N, C-alpha and C. Protein backbone atom coordinates (compact mmCIF):
# COMPACT_ATOMS: atom_id res chain seq x y z
N MET A 1 0.84 -1.18 0.00
CA MET A 1 0.00 0.00 0.00
C MET A 1 0.89 1.25 0.00
N ILE A 2 0.53 2.22 -0.85
CA ILE A 2 1.28 3.47 -0.95
C ILE A 2 0.93 4.36 0.24
N LYS A 3 1.93 4.81 0.96
CA LYS A 3 1.74 5.63 2.16
C LYS A 3 2.16 7.06 1.86
N ILE A 4 1.21 7.85 1.36
CA ILE A 4 1.50 9.23 1.02
C ILE A 4 0.75 10.14 1.98
N ARG A 5 1.44 11.20 2.40
CA ARG A 5 0.83 12.18 3.28
C ARG A 5 1.49 13.53 3.03
N LYS A 6 0.85 14.57 3.56
CA LYS A 6 1.46 15.89 3.51
C LYS A 6 2.74 15.84 4.34
N ALA A 7 3.75 16.53 3.88
CA ALA A 7 5.02 16.57 4.59
C ALA A 7 4.87 17.38 5.88
N ALA A 8 5.72 17.07 6.83
CA ALA A 8 5.75 17.76 8.12
C ALA A 8 7.17 18.27 8.37
N ILE A 9 7.30 19.13 9.34
CA ILE A 9 8.61 19.69 9.68
C ILE A 9 9.64 18.58 9.92
N LYS A 10 9.21 17.50 10.54
CA LYS A 10 10.15 16.41 10.83
C LYS A 10 10.73 15.77 9.57
N ASP A 11 10.13 16.02 8.40
CA ASP A 11 10.57 15.42 7.14
C ASP A 11 11.61 16.27 6.41
N VAL A 12 11.77 17.51 6.80
CA VAL A 12 12.58 18.45 6.01
C VAL A 12 14.00 17.94 5.78
N LYS A 13 14.67 17.47 6.80
CA LYS A 13 16.07 17.04 6.62
C LYS A 13 16.17 15.83 5.69
N GLN A 14 15.19 14.93 5.78
CA GLN A 14 15.21 13.76 4.87
C GLN A 14 14.91 14.19 3.43
N ILE A 15 13.97 15.12 3.25
CA ILE A 15 13.68 15.64 1.91
C ILE A 15 14.92 16.32 1.35
N HIS A 16 15.58 17.11 2.18
CA HIS A 16 16.80 17.81 1.78
C HIS A 16 17.87 16.84 1.28
N LEU A 17 18.10 15.78 2.04
CA LEU A 17 19.08 14.77 1.64
C LEU A 17 18.69 14.10 0.32
N LEU A 18 17.41 13.76 0.19
CA LEU A 18 16.92 13.09 -1.02
C LEU A 18 17.09 13.99 -2.24
N LEU A 19 16.66 15.24 -2.16
CA LEU A 19 16.77 16.15 -3.30
C LEU A 19 18.23 16.43 -3.65
N ASN A 20 19.04 16.66 -2.64
CA ASN A 20 20.45 16.98 -2.92
C ASN A 20 21.22 15.77 -3.45
N HIS A 21 20.77 14.57 -3.12
CA HIS A 21 21.37 13.37 -3.69
C HIS A 21 21.24 13.39 -5.22
N PHE A 22 20.05 13.73 -5.70
CA PHE A 22 19.83 13.77 -7.15
C PHE A 22 20.39 15.06 -7.76
N ALA A 23 20.42 16.14 -7.00
CA ALA A 23 20.95 17.41 -7.51
C ALA A 23 22.44 17.31 -7.81
N LYS A 24 23.17 16.54 -7.02
CA LYS A 24 24.62 16.44 -7.26
C LYS A 24 24.92 15.81 -8.62
N ASP A 25 23.99 15.03 -9.14
CA ASP A 25 24.14 14.44 -10.47
C ASP A 25 23.47 15.28 -11.55
N GLY A 26 22.92 16.45 -11.17
CA GLY A 26 22.28 17.33 -12.14
C GLY A 26 20.93 16.85 -12.61
N ILE A 27 20.31 15.93 -11.87
CA ILE A 27 19.02 15.36 -12.28
C ILE A 27 17.87 16.28 -11.91
N LEU A 28 18.04 17.01 -10.81
CA LEU A 28 17.03 17.99 -10.42
C LEU A 28 17.70 19.11 -9.66
N LEU A 29 16.94 20.16 -9.39
CA LEU A 29 17.47 21.32 -8.70
C LEU A 29 17.41 21.08 -7.19
N GLY A 30 18.54 21.18 -6.55
CA GLY A 30 18.57 21.05 -5.10
C GLY A 30 17.89 22.23 -4.45
N ARG A 31 17.53 22.08 -3.21
CA ARG A 31 16.87 23.14 -2.46
C ARG A 31 17.63 23.35 -1.15
N PRO A 32 17.90 24.61 -0.81
CA PRO A 32 18.52 24.88 0.49
C PRO A 32 17.58 24.46 1.62
N LEU A 33 18.16 24.10 2.73
CA LEU A 33 17.38 23.65 3.88
C LEU A 33 16.35 24.70 4.29
N LEU A 34 16.74 25.96 4.34
CA LEU A 34 15.81 27.03 4.72
C LEU A 34 14.63 27.10 3.76
N ALA A 35 14.88 26.95 2.47
CA ALA A 35 13.80 27.00 1.49
C ALA A 35 12.81 25.85 1.71
N LEU A 36 13.33 24.70 2.10
CA LEU A 36 12.44 23.56 2.36
C LEU A 36 11.56 23.82 3.59
N TYR A 37 12.13 24.40 4.62
CA TYR A 37 11.32 24.74 5.79
C TYR A 37 10.23 25.74 5.39
N GLU A 38 10.59 26.71 4.56
CA GLU A 38 9.63 27.73 4.14
C GLU A 38 8.54 27.16 3.24
N LYS A 39 8.86 26.14 2.47
CA LYS A 39 7.93 25.59 1.48
C LYS A 39 7.39 24.22 1.85
N ILE A 40 7.56 23.79 3.09
CA ILE A 40 7.18 22.43 3.48
C ILE A 40 5.72 22.12 3.18
N ARG A 41 4.86 23.13 3.23
CA ARG A 41 3.44 22.88 2.97
C ARG A 41 3.15 22.52 1.51
N GLU A 42 4.12 22.72 0.64
CA GLU A 42 3.96 22.34 -0.76
C GLU A 42 4.21 20.85 -0.98
N PHE A 43 4.84 20.19 -0.04
CA PHE A 43 5.33 18.83 -0.25
C PHE A 43 4.39 17.73 0.23
N PHE A 44 4.46 16.63 -0.52
CA PHE A 44 3.91 15.34 -0.11
C PHE A 44 5.09 14.40 0.01
N VAL A 45 4.99 13.44 0.91
CA VAL A 45 6.03 12.42 1.02
C VAL A 45 5.40 11.04 0.99
N TYR A 46 6.19 10.11 0.51
CA TYR A 46 5.90 8.69 0.64
C TYR A 46 6.87 8.20 1.70
N GLU A 47 6.35 7.52 2.72
CA GLU A 47 7.22 7.06 3.78
C GLU A 47 6.98 5.59 4.11
N GLU A 48 8.01 4.99 4.61
CA GLU A 48 7.96 3.64 5.18
C GLU A 48 8.78 3.67 6.45
N ASP A 49 8.20 3.22 7.54
CA ASP A 49 8.90 3.15 8.83
C ASP A 49 9.59 4.47 9.20
N ASP A 50 8.85 5.56 9.06
CA ASP A 50 9.35 6.90 9.39
C ASP A 50 10.51 7.36 8.52
N THR A 51 10.70 6.71 7.39
CA THR A 51 11.75 7.11 6.45
C THR A 51 11.10 7.64 5.18
N VAL A 52 11.52 8.83 4.76
CA VAL A 52 11.02 9.41 3.51
C VAL A 52 11.69 8.68 2.35
N ILE A 53 10.86 8.04 1.55
CA ILE A 53 11.33 7.28 0.39
C ILE A 53 11.22 8.12 -0.87
N GLY A 54 10.21 8.99 -0.92
CA GLY A 54 9.98 9.84 -2.08
C GLY A 54 9.26 11.11 -1.69
N CYS A 55 9.34 12.10 -2.57
CA CYS A 55 8.67 13.37 -2.31
C CYS A 55 8.28 14.03 -3.63
N VAL A 56 7.36 14.97 -3.52
CA VAL A 56 6.96 15.81 -4.63
C VAL A 56 6.41 17.10 -4.04
N ALA A 57 6.52 18.18 -4.79
CA ALA A 57 5.95 19.45 -4.34
C ALA A 57 4.99 19.99 -5.39
N LEU A 58 3.97 20.66 -4.91
CA LEU A 58 3.03 21.37 -5.78
C LEU A 58 3.18 22.84 -5.41
N ALA A 59 3.80 23.60 -6.30
CA ALA A 59 4.07 25.02 -6.05
C ALA A 59 3.12 25.88 -6.86
N ILE A 60 2.34 26.70 -6.19
CA ILE A 60 1.43 27.62 -6.86
C ILE A 60 2.28 28.77 -7.40
N VAL A 61 2.13 29.07 -8.70
CA VAL A 61 2.93 30.13 -9.30
C VAL A 61 2.10 31.28 -9.86
N TRP A 62 0.81 31.08 -9.98
CA TRP A 62 -0.07 32.13 -10.49
C TRP A 62 -1.48 31.77 -10.09
N ASP A 63 -2.44 32.60 -10.42
CA ASP A 63 -3.81 32.35 -9.96
C ASP A 63 -4.43 31.09 -10.55
N ASN A 64 -3.94 30.65 -11.67
CA ASN A 64 -4.51 29.45 -12.30
C ASN A 64 -3.45 28.42 -12.68
N MET A 65 -2.24 28.58 -12.16
CA MET A 65 -1.14 27.72 -12.59
C MET A 65 -0.30 27.27 -11.39
N ALA A 66 0.16 26.02 -11.47
CA ALA A 66 1.05 25.47 -10.45
C ALA A 66 2.10 24.61 -11.13
N GLU A 67 3.17 24.36 -10.40
CA GLU A 67 4.26 23.52 -10.91
C GLU A 67 4.38 22.27 -10.05
N ILE A 68 4.55 21.15 -10.70
CA ILE A 68 4.95 19.93 -10.01
C ILE A 68 6.47 19.92 -10.07
N ARG A 69 7.08 19.89 -8.88
CA ARG A 69 8.53 20.00 -8.81
C ARG A 69 9.08 19.09 -7.71
N SER A 70 10.37 18.98 -7.71
CA SER A 70 11.09 18.24 -6.66
C SER A 70 10.57 16.81 -6.49
N LEU A 71 10.27 16.16 -7.60
CA LEU A 71 9.86 14.76 -7.56
C LEU A 71 11.11 13.89 -7.47
N ALA A 72 11.18 13.12 -6.40
CA ALA A 72 12.34 12.25 -6.21
C ALA A 72 11.92 11.00 -5.44
N VAL A 73 12.48 9.87 -5.86
CA VAL A 73 12.25 8.59 -5.18
C VAL A 73 13.61 7.91 -5.07
N LYS A 74 13.92 7.42 -3.88
CA LYS A 74 15.19 6.72 -3.69
C LYS A 74 15.34 5.63 -4.75
N GLU A 75 16.57 5.49 -5.26
CA GLU A 75 16.82 4.56 -6.36
C GLU A 75 16.30 3.15 -6.09
N GLU A 76 16.52 2.65 -4.89
CA GLU A 76 16.13 1.27 -4.63
C GLU A 76 14.62 1.05 -4.59
N PHE A 77 13.86 2.15 -4.63
CA PHE A 77 12.39 2.05 -4.62
C PHE A 77 11.79 2.46 -5.97
N GLN A 78 12.63 2.85 -6.92
CA GLN A 78 12.12 3.26 -8.22
C GLN A 78 11.56 2.05 -8.95
N GLY A 79 10.57 2.31 -9.81
CA GLY A 79 9.93 1.25 -10.57
C GLY A 79 8.79 0.59 -9.81
N LYS A 80 8.42 1.15 -8.65
CA LYS A 80 7.35 0.56 -7.84
C LYS A 80 6.11 1.46 -7.80
N LYS A 81 6.03 2.40 -8.76
CA LYS A 81 4.88 3.30 -8.91
C LYS A 81 4.75 4.33 -7.79
N ILE A 82 5.79 4.53 -7.03
CA ILE A 82 5.77 5.54 -5.97
C ILE A 82 5.74 6.94 -6.58
N GLY A 83 6.57 7.17 -7.57
CA GLY A 83 6.58 8.47 -8.24
C GLY A 83 5.24 8.78 -8.87
N ALA A 84 4.64 7.79 -9.50
CA ALA A 84 3.32 7.98 -10.11
C ALA A 84 2.28 8.32 -9.06
N ALA A 85 2.33 7.66 -7.93
CA ALA A 85 1.37 7.94 -6.85
C ALA A 85 1.58 9.35 -6.30
N LEU A 86 2.82 9.77 -6.16
CA LEU A 86 3.10 11.12 -5.68
C LEU A 86 2.58 12.17 -6.66
N VAL A 87 2.81 11.97 -7.95
CA VAL A 87 2.32 12.92 -8.95
C VAL A 87 0.80 12.94 -8.96
N SER A 88 0.17 11.79 -8.85
CA SER A 88 -1.30 11.73 -8.80
C SER A 88 -1.84 12.52 -7.61
N GLU A 89 -1.16 12.41 -6.49
CA GLU A 89 -1.57 13.16 -5.30
C GLU A 89 -1.45 14.67 -5.53
N ALA A 90 -0.38 15.09 -6.17
CA ALA A 90 -0.19 16.51 -6.47
C ALA A 90 -1.26 17.00 -7.45
N ILE A 91 -1.59 16.19 -8.45
CA ILE A 91 -2.63 16.56 -9.41
C ILE A 91 -3.98 16.68 -8.70
N SER A 92 -4.26 15.76 -7.81
CA SER A 92 -5.53 15.82 -7.06
C SER A 92 -5.62 17.10 -6.23
N GLU A 93 -4.51 17.46 -5.57
CA GLU A 93 -4.55 18.70 -4.79
C GLU A 93 -4.73 19.91 -5.69
N ALA A 94 -4.06 19.91 -6.84
CA ALA A 94 -4.22 21.02 -7.78
C ALA A 94 -5.69 21.17 -8.19
N LYS A 95 -6.34 20.06 -8.48
CA LYS A 95 -7.76 20.10 -8.83
C LYS A 95 -8.59 20.67 -7.69
N SER A 96 -8.31 20.25 -6.47
CA SER A 96 -9.10 20.71 -5.33
C SER A 96 -8.89 22.21 -5.07
N LEU A 97 -7.76 22.75 -5.50
CA LEU A 97 -7.48 24.17 -5.33
C LEU A 97 -8.02 25.02 -6.48
N GLY A 98 -8.52 24.37 -7.52
CA GLY A 98 -9.04 25.09 -8.67
C GLY A 98 -7.98 25.49 -9.67
N ILE A 99 -6.83 24.86 -9.62
CA ILE A 99 -5.75 25.13 -10.58
C ILE A 99 -6.19 24.62 -11.95
N GLN A 100 -5.92 25.42 -12.98
CA GLN A 100 -6.32 25.04 -14.33
C GLN A 100 -5.18 24.48 -15.17
N GLN A 101 -3.95 24.85 -14.81
CA GLN A 101 -2.80 24.36 -15.57
C GLN A 101 -1.68 23.95 -14.61
N LEU A 102 -1.08 22.83 -14.93
CA LEU A 102 0.08 22.33 -14.20
C LEU A 102 1.24 22.24 -15.18
N PHE A 103 2.42 22.63 -14.75
CA PHE A 103 3.59 22.42 -15.60
C PHE A 103 4.69 21.77 -14.79
N THR A 104 5.65 21.25 -15.52
CA THR A 104 6.84 20.68 -14.90
C THR A 104 8.01 20.87 -15.85
N LEU A 105 9.19 20.96 -15.30
CA LEU A 105 10.44 20.94 -16.06
C LEU A 105 11.14 19.66 -15.67
N THR A 106 11.50 18.86 -16.66
CA THR A 106 11.98 17.52 -16.34
C THR A 106 12.95 16.99 -17.39
N TYR A 107 13.76 16.03 -16.94
CA TYR A 107 14.59 15.24 -17.86
C TYR A 107 13.89 13.93 -18.20
N GLN A 108 12.71 13.70 -17.64
CA GLN A 108 11.95 12.46 -17.85
C GLN A 108 10.57 12.78 -18.45
N PRO A 109 10.51 13.36 -19.64
CA PRO A 109 9.21 13.76 -20.19
C PRO A 109 8.25 12.58 -20.40
N GLY A 110 8.77 11.42 -20.74
CA GLY A 110 7.90 10.26 -20.96
C GLY A 110 7.09 9.90 -19.73
N PHE A 111 7.67 10.06 -18.56
CA PHE A 111 6.97 9.77 -17.31
C PHE A 111 5.75 10.69 -17.17
N PHE A 112 5.93 11.98 -17.40
CA PHE A 112 4.83 12.93 -17.23
C PHE A 112 3.81 12.86 -18.36
N LYS A 113 4.22 12.42 -19.52
CA LYS A 113 3.27 12.27 -20.63
C LYS A 113 2.22 11.21 -20.32
N LYS A 114 2.53 10.27 -19.43
CA LYS A 114 1.55 9.27 -19.00
C LYS A 114 0.40 9.91 -18.23
N PHE A 115 0.61 11.13 -17.74
CA PHE A 115 -0.42 11.87 -17.01
C PHE A 115 -1.05 12.95 -17.88
N ASP A 116 -0.90 12.82 -19.19
CA ASP A 116 -1.45 13.78 -20.17
C ASP A 116 -0.78 15.14 -20.14
N PHE A 117 0.47 15.21 -19.72
CA PHE A 117 1.24 16.43 -19.88
C PHE A 117 1.70 16.49 -21.33
N LYS A 118 1.68 17.69 -21.90
CA LYS A 118 2.10 17.91 -23.29
C LYS A 118 3.31 18.85 -23.30
N GLU A 119 4.23 18.56 -24.19
CA GLU A 119 5.43 19.37 -24.29
C GLU A 119 5.11 20.77 -24.81
N ILE A 120 5.70 21.78 -24.16
CA ILE A 120 5.55 23.17 -24.60
C ILE A 120 6.92 23.84 -24.59
N ASP A 121 7.00 25.01 -25.19
CA ASP A 121 8.23 25.79 -25.19
C ASP A 121 8.40 26.45 -23.82
N LYS A 122 9.59 26.35 -23.25
CA LYS A 122 9.87 26.97 -21.95
C LYS A 122 9.64 28.47 -21.96
N LYS A 123 9.76 29.07 -23.11
CA LYS A 123 9.58 30.52 -23.22
C LYS A 123 8.16 30.97 -22.88
N LEU A 124 7.24 30.03 -22.84
CA LEU A 124 5.87 30.37 -22.47
C LEU A 124 5.72 30.59 -20.96
N LEU A 125 6.79 30.32 -20.21
CA LEU A 125 6.76 30.46 -18.75
C LEU A 125 7.85 31.42 -18.28
N PRO A 126 7.84 32.67 -18.72
CA PRO A 126 8.95 33.56 -18.35
C PRO A 126 9.07 33.81 -16.86
N HIS A 127 7.97 33.87 -16.15
CA HIS A 127 8.05 34.08 -14.70
C HIS A 127 8.77 32.93 -14.02
N LYS A 128 8.62 31.73 -14.53
CA LYS A 128 9.31 30.56 -13.98
C LYS A 128 10.82 30.67 -14.23
N ILE A 129 11.18 31.03 -15.43
CA ILE A 129 12.58 31.09 -15.80
C ILE A 129 13.35 32.04 -14.90
N TRP A 130 12.76 33.16 -14.56
CA TRP A 130 13.49 34.17 -13.81
C TRP A 130 13.35 34.03 -12.30
N THR A 131 12.61 33.06 -11.81
CA THR A 131 12.53 32.89 -10.37
C THR A 131 13.40 31.73 -9.89
N ASP A 132 13.19 30.54 -10.39
CA ASP A 132 13.98 29.39 -9.95
C ASP A 132 15.13 29.09 -10.91
N CYS A 133 14.87 29.18 -12.18
CA CYS A 133 15.87 28.74 -13.16
C CYS A 133 17.13 29.58 -13.12
N ILE A 134 17.02 30.83 -12.77
CA ILE A 134 18.20 31.69 -12.71
C ILE A 134 19.23 31.17 -11.71
N ASN A 135 18.78 30.40 -10.72
CA ASN A 135 19.68 29.85 -9.71
C ASN A 135 20.23 28.47 -10.08
N CYS A 136 19.80 27.94 -11.19
CA CYS A 136 20.21 26.60 -11.60
C CYS A 136 21.61 26.64 -12.22
N PRO A 137 22.45 25.66 -11.92
CA PRO A 137 23.79 25.65 -12.52
C PRO A 137 23.77 25.44 -14.04
N HIS A 138 22.65 24.99 -14.59
CA HIS A 138 22.56 24.77 -16.04
C HIS A 138 22.03 25.99 -16.78
N PHE A 139 21.59 27.01 -16.06
CA PHE A 139 21.03 28.20 -16.70
C PHE A 139 22.15 28.98 -17.39
N PRO A 140 21.95 29.47 -18.60
CA PRO A 140 20.75 29.45 -19.42
C PRO A 140 20.70 28.31 -20.43
N ASP A 141 21.63 27.37 -20.32
CA ASP A 141 21.72 26.28 -21.30
C ASP A 141 20.99 25.03 -20.81
N CYS A 142 19.82 25.19 -20.30
CA CYS A 142 19.03 24.09 -19.75
C CYS A 142 18.52 23.19 -20.86
N ASN A 143 18.56 21.90 -20.62
CA ASN A 143 17.98 20.98 -21.60
C ASN A 143 16.83 20.19 -20.99
N GLU A 144 16.26 20.72 -19.91
CA GLU A 144 15.05 20.10 -19.37
C GLU A 144 13.91 20.36 -20.34
N VAL A 145 12.94 19.47 -20.32
CA VAL A 145 11.76 19.59 -21.17
C VAL A 145 10.65 20.19 -20.32
N CYS A 146 9.94 21.14 -20.89
CA CYS A 146 8.82 21.77 -20.21
C CYS A 146 7.54 21.11 -20.70
N LEU A 147 6.72 20.68 -19.75
CA LEU A 147 5.45 20.03 -20.07
C LEU A 147 4.32 20.73 -19.33
N LEU A 148 3.14 20.72 -19.95
CA LEU A 148 1.97 21.38 -19.38
C LEU A 148 0.78 20.44 -19.42
N LYS A 149 -0.02 20.48 -18.38
CA LYS A 149 -1.25 19.69 -18.30
C LYS A 149 -2.40 20.64 -18.04
N GLU A 150 -3.42 20.57 -18.87
CA GLU A 150 -4.65 21.31 -18.65
C GLU A 150 -5.53 20.47 -17.73
N ILE A 151 -6.08 21.12 -16.71
CA ILE A 151 -6.96 20.42 -15.77
C ILE A 151 -8.39 20.86 -16.02
N GLU A 152 -9.26 19.88 -16.12
CA GLU A 152 -10.68 20.19 -16.36
C GLU A 152 -11.35 20.65 -15.11
């Protein structure tokens, strides 16, 4: 059974370790510990025995738009649909908040296309580029794919 819940303060250090593990390989953008404490309400975690195995964040960026970000699952648990369950949880919350569009920047576009995300040009999200992307070590030569999902 998938054990997903809203993240709590006690999860921040484990989320930090998980994200930075993948950030060191350039797979995703790491987050400073302070930023995670400030944004903890955006996160969902999958846990087993009080250990964070995976996480995802739903970040509201505009009145009708949010980003699915910081999706990470420990390598030894990948392929067990944990990431899919986390994304589904984020999509459900977006719907409950009345969000009309979800986007993500990813190196794994095929994964998100299973959720009806469609590829778009990153230039359609200028506010995103200048808030988080400016701090990325790959900026401005990013090769992440931008995907968008319309929510009914």
